[in-house]
Amino acid sequence: MWRALLDFRARHGRYWKRALSLKWMNGSDEFEPFSASLRMVRNQLGPTWLHALRPASLDAAARRLTALDSQPDNCRVEPMLSGEPCASDQ
């Protein structure tokens, strides 16, 4: 969900919320990258949630995703699943 919103914001600039709302209203969001995630946001959270979303919340999500992306692959899952210790655990 957050990746879809961040990608949409990066591609549509300052008025990205307006663009996304318009795409939701006319159904053209299905042609966007991450269209399934964007549609999920619309169906589960709605336009009111999008309007209330503050830039700081989206920026915090971007920082969390960046931190996750910088971790080795085996650190992105529960340790019991991979069986390997993370570099940060040693």
C-alpha atoms as a PDB file:
ATOM      1  CA  MET A   1       0.000   0.000   0.000  1.00  0.00           C
ATOM      2  CA  TRP A   2       2.661   2.518   1.005  1.00  0.00           C
ATOM      3  CA  ARG A   3       4.860   1.712  -1.981  1.00  0.00           C
ATOM      4  CA  ALA A   4       1.911   2.290  -4.303  1.00  0.00           C
ATOM      5  CA  LEU A   5       1.126   5.666  -2.738  1.00  0.00           C
ATOM      6  CA  LEU A   6       4.773   6.739  -2.726  1.00  0.00           C
ATOM      7  CA  ASP A   7       5.198   5.740  -6.359  1.00  0.00           C
ATOM      8  CA  PHE A   8       2.031   7.587  -7.361  1.00  0.00           C
ATOM      9  CA  ARG A   9       3.141  10.692  -5.451  1.00  0.00           C
ATOM     10  CA  ALA A  10       6.569  10.616  -7.107  1.00  0.00           C
ATOM     11  CA  ARG A  11       5.050  10.395 -10.582  1.00  0.00           C
ATOM     12  CA  HIS A  12       2.250  12.944 -10.148  1.00  0.00           C
ATOM     13  CA  GLY A  13       3.912  15.651  -8.091  1.00  0.00           C
ATOM     14  CA  ARG A  14       2.367  18.315  -5.933  1.00  0.00           C
ATOM     15  CA  TYR A  15      -1.285  17.567  -6.717  1.00  0.00           C
ATOM     16  CA  TRP A  16      -0.998  13.785  -6.511  1.00  0.00           C
ATOM     17  CA  LYS A  17      -3.966  13.381  -4.164  1.00  0.00           C
ATOM     18  CA  ARG A  18      -6.222  15.240  -6.576  1.00  0.00           C
ATOM     19  CA  ALA A  19      -4.952  13.112  -9.456  1.00  0.00           C
ATOM     20  CA  LEU A  20      -5.527   9.885  -7.530  1.00  0.00           C
ATOM     21  CA  SER A  21      -9.017  10.917  -6.466  1.00  0.00           C
ATOM     22  CA  LEU A  22      -9.887  11.726 -10.078  1.00  0.00           C
ATOM     23  CA  LYS A  23      -8.513   8.384 -11.260  1.00  0.00           C
ATOM     24  CA  TRP A  24     -10.540   6.609  -8.565  1.00  0.00           C
ATOM     25  CA  MET A  25     -13.709   8.406  -9.678  1.00  0.00           C
ATOM     26  CA  ASN A  26     -13.360   7.625 -13.377  1.00  0.00           C
ATOM     27  CA  GLY A  27     -11.810   4.156 -13.012  1.00  0.00           C
ATOM     28  CA  SER A  28      -8.549   4.957 -14.763  1.00  0.00           C
ATOM     29  CA  ASP A  29      -6.514   3.870 -11.730  1.00  0.00           C
ATOM     30  CA  GLU A  30      -6.483   0.361 -13.194  1.00  0.00           C
ATOM     31  CA  PHE A  31      -3.893   1.519 -15.740  1.00  0.00           C
ATOM     32  CA  GLU A  32      -1.475   2.734 -13.063  1.00  0.00           C
ATOM     33  CA  PRO A  33       1.494   0.781 -11.698  1.00  0.00           C
ATOM     34  CA  PHE A  34       0.474  -0.862  -8.407  1.00  0.00           C
ATOM     35  CA  SER A  35      -3.145  -0.534  -9.530  1.00  0.00           C
ATOM     36  CA  ALA A  36      -4.343  -3.350  -7.270  1.00  0.00           C
ATOM     37  CA  SER A  37      -2.829  -1.674  -4.209  1.00  0.00           C
ATOM     38  CA  LEU A  38      -4.277   1.702  -5.145  1.00  0.00           C
ATOM     39  CA  ARG A  39      -7.711   0.130  -5.584  1.00  0.00           C
ATOM     40  CA  MET A  40      -7.343  -1.609  -2.208  1.00  0.00           C
ATOM     41  CA  VAL A  41      -6.643   1.739  -0.549  1.00  0.00           C
ATOM     42  CA  ARG A  42      -9.758   3.167  -2.177  1.00  0.00           C
ATOM     43  CA  ASN A  43     -11.969   0.250  -1.191  1.00  0.00           C
ATOM     44  CA  GLN A  44     -10.730  -0.184   2.368  1.00  0.00           C
ATOM     45  CA  LEU A  45      -9.773   3.333   3.456  1.00  0.00           C
ATOM     46  CA  GLY A  46     -11.529   5.609   0.995  1.00  0.00           C
ATOM     47  CA  PRO A  47     -11.145   9.133  -0.318  1.00  0.00           C
ATOM     48  CA  THR A  48     -11.695  10.672   3.117  1.00  0.00           C
ATOM     49  CA  TRP A  49      -8.643   8.844   4.443  1.00  0.00           C
ATOM     50  CA  LEU A  50      -6.602   9.974   1.429  1.00  0.00           C
ATOM     51  CA  HIS A  51      -7.638  13.574   1.982  1.00  0.00           C
ATOM     52  CA  ALA A  52      -6.650  13.352   5.670  1.00  0.00           C
ATOM     53  CA  LEU A  53      -3.276  11.711   4.907  1.00  0.00           C
ATOM     54  CA  ARG A  54      -0.519  14.123   5.879  1.00  0.00           C
ATOM     55  CA  PRO A  55       2.811  14.370   4.052  1.00  0.00           C
ATOM     56  CA  ALA A  56       4.662  13.538   7.284  1.00  0.00           C
ATOM     57  CA  SER A  57       2.902  10.160   7.476  1.00  0.00           C
ATOM     58  CA  LEU A  58       3.861   9.295   3.933  1.00  0.00           C
ATOM     59  CA  ASP A  59       7.426  10.488   4.510  1.00  0.00           C
ATOM     60  CA  ALA A  60       7.681   8.280   7.604  1.00  0.00           C
ATOM     61  CA  ALA A  61       6.485   5.302   5.555  1.00  0.00           C
ATOM     62  CA  ALA A  62       9.127   6.102   2.944  1.00  0.00           C
ATOM     63  CA  ARG A  63      11.837   6.087   5.618  1.00  0.00           C
ATOM     64  CA  ARG A  64      10.603   2.736   6.985  1.00  0.00           C
ATOM     65  CA  LEU A  65      10.610   1.193   3.510  1.00  0.00           C
ATOM     66  CA  THR A  66      14.077   2.538   2.802  1.00  0.00           C
ATOM     67  CA  ALA A  67      15.343   0.999   6.036  1.00  0.00           C
ATOM     68  CA  LEU A  68      13.741  -2.343   5.169  1.00  0.00           C
ATOM     69  CA  ASP A  69      15.153  -2.278   1.642  1.00  0.00           C
ATOM     70  CA  SER A  70      18.658  -1.728   3.000  1.00  0.00           C
ATOM     71  CA  GLN A  71      18.517  -4.937   5.084  1.00  0.00           C
ATOM     72  CA  PRO A  72      19.815  -8.234   3.704  1.00  0.00           C
ATOM     73  CA  ASP A  73      17.063 -10.474   2.355  1.00  0.00           C
ATOM     74  CA  ASN A  74      17.216 -12.888   5.281  1.00  0.00           C
ATOM     75  CA  CYS A  75      16.562 -10.025   7.732  1.00  0.00           C
ATOM     76  CA  ARG A  76      13.273  -9.067   6.086  1.00  0.00           C
ATOM     77  CA  VAL A  77      11.534 -12.184   7.377  1.00  0.00           C
ATOM     78  CA  GLU A  78      11.128 -13.655  10.822  1.00  0.00           C
ATOM     79  CA  PRO A  79      14.428 -15.234  11.996  1.00  0.00           C
ATOM     80  CA  MET A  80      12.709 -18.565  12.617  1.00  0.00           C
ATOM     81  CA  LEU A  81      11.709 -18.737   8.958  1.00  0.00           C
ATOM     82  CA  SER A  82      15.147 -18.136   7.478  1.00  0.00           C
ATOM     83  CA  GLY A  83      17.186 -19.795  10.234  1.00  0.00           C
ATOM     84  CA  GLU A  84      20.048 -17.377   9.609  1.00  0.00           C
ATOM     85  CA  PRO A  85      21.090 -14.618  12.019  1.00  0.00           C
ATOM     86  CA  CYS A  86      21.011 -11.040  10.749  1.00  0.00           C
ATOM     87  CA  ALA A  87      24.212  -9.039  10.651  1.00  0.00           C
ATOM     88  CA  SER A  88      22.708  -6.642  13.188  1.00  0.00           C
ATOM     89  CA  ASP A  89      22.113  -9.551  15.624  1.00  0.00           C
ATOM     90  CA  GLN A  90      25.795 -10.448  15.848  1.00  0.00           C
END
